Protein backbone atom coordinates (compact mmCIF):
# COMPACT_ATOMS: atom_id res chain seq x y z
CA UNK A 1 -51.46 -15.74 -7.68
CA UNK A 2 -48.18 -15.92 -9.57
CA UNK A 3 -45.21 -14.71 -7.54
CA UNK A 4 -41.68 -14.07 -8.84
CA UNK A 5 -38.99 -14.82 -6.25
CA UNK A 6 -35.95 -12.65 -7.03
CA UNK A 7 -32.71 -13.88 -5.45
CA UNK A 8 -29.11 -12.89 -5.99
CA UNK A 9 -26.74 -15.83 -6.02
CA UNK A 10 -24.48 -17.96 -8.16
CA UNK A 11 -25.01 -20.64 -10.78
CA UNK A 12 -22.35 -23.31 -11.20
CA UNK A 13 -22.59 -25.13 -14.52
CA UNK A 14 -20.40 -28.07 -15.48
CA UNK A 15 -19.66 -28.80 -19.13
CA UNK A 16 -17.74 -31.72 -20.62
CA UNK A 17 -15.64 -30.11 -23.35
CA UNK A 18 -14.52 -33.50 -24.68
CA UNK A 19 -18.11 -34.61 -25.27
CA UNK A 20 -19.36 -31.08 -26.00
CA UNK A 21 -22.28 -31.32 -23.61
CA UNK A 22 -23.75 -29.92 -20.43
CA UNK A 23 -23.38 -32.17 -17.35
CA UNK A 24 -24.93 -30.43 -14.34
CA UNK A 25 -26.07 -27.18 -12.78
CA UNK A 26 -26.24 -25.96 -9.15
CA UNK A 27 -27.68 -22.75 -7.78
CA UNK A 28 -26.19 -21.15 -4.65
CA UNK A 29 -28.72 -18.68 -3.23
CA UNK A 30 -27.83 -15.51 -1.39
CA UNK A 31 -29.38 -14.56 1.93
CA UNK A 32 -32.11 -12.21 0.74
CA UNK A 33 -35.14 -12.51 -1.52
CA UNK A 34 -37.51 -10.01 -3.03
CA UNK A 35 -40.96 -10.92 -4.30
CA UNK A 36 -42.89 -9.46 -7.23
CA UNK A 37 -46.40 -9.93 -8.61
CA UNK A 38 -47.20 -10.70 -12.25
CA UNK A 39 -46.83 -7.01 -13.15
CA UNK A 40 -43.35 -6.74 -11.60
CA UNK A 41 -44.66 -4.78 -8.63
CA UNK A 42 -42.97 -5.51 -5.28
CA UNK A 43 -44.79 -7.74 -2.78
CA UNK A 44 -44.13 -7.68 0.93
CA UNK A 45 -43.22 -11.12 2.24
CA UNK A 46 -45.97 -10.64 4.85
CA UNK A 47 -48.49 -10.92 2.00
CA UNK A 48 -47.27 -14.49 1.44
CA UNK A 49 -48.53 -16.02 4.67
CA UNK A 50 -49.70 -19.61 4.93
CA UNK A 51 -52.79 -20.77 6.86
CA UNK A 52 -50.83 -20.75 10.15
CA UNK A 53 -49.74 -17.14 9.68
CA UNK A 54 -46.14 -18.09 8.87
CA UNK A 55 -44.32 -16.78 5.81
CA UNK A 56 -44.90 -19.24 2.97
CA UNK A 57 -41.84 -21.23 1.91
CA UNK A 58 -41.16 -20.92 -1.81
CA UNK A 59 -38.42 -23.46 -2.66
CA UNK A 60 -35.41 -22.85 -4.88
CA UNK A 61 -36.16 -25.83 -7.14
CA UNK A 62 -34.28 -25.38 -10.41
CA UNK A 63 -36.24 -27.29 -13.05
CA UNK A 64 -36.78 -26.94 -16.76
CA UNK A 65 -40.19 -25.23 -17.09
CA UNK A 66 -41.17 -27.89 -19.62
CA UNK A 67 -40.69 -30.61 -16.98
CA UNK A 68 -43.11 -29.02 -14.50
CA UNK A 69 -42.99 -29.20 -10.73
CA UNK A 70 -44.35 -32.02 -8.56
């Protein structure tokens, strides 16, 4: 199942204006998250339980989609 994790927060991007290029990016997440299915319909976090009955952890990894995730 594909799940969209919707989080309000801040993105800090650093640019080198002398070189005219992007240097780095950090994401500062807020406290709350909402989850949606592929159709944009809300999901309750309780529907994202792991095998032990705990809420599944969905990390905040910020990667280029072309790079993939380990």
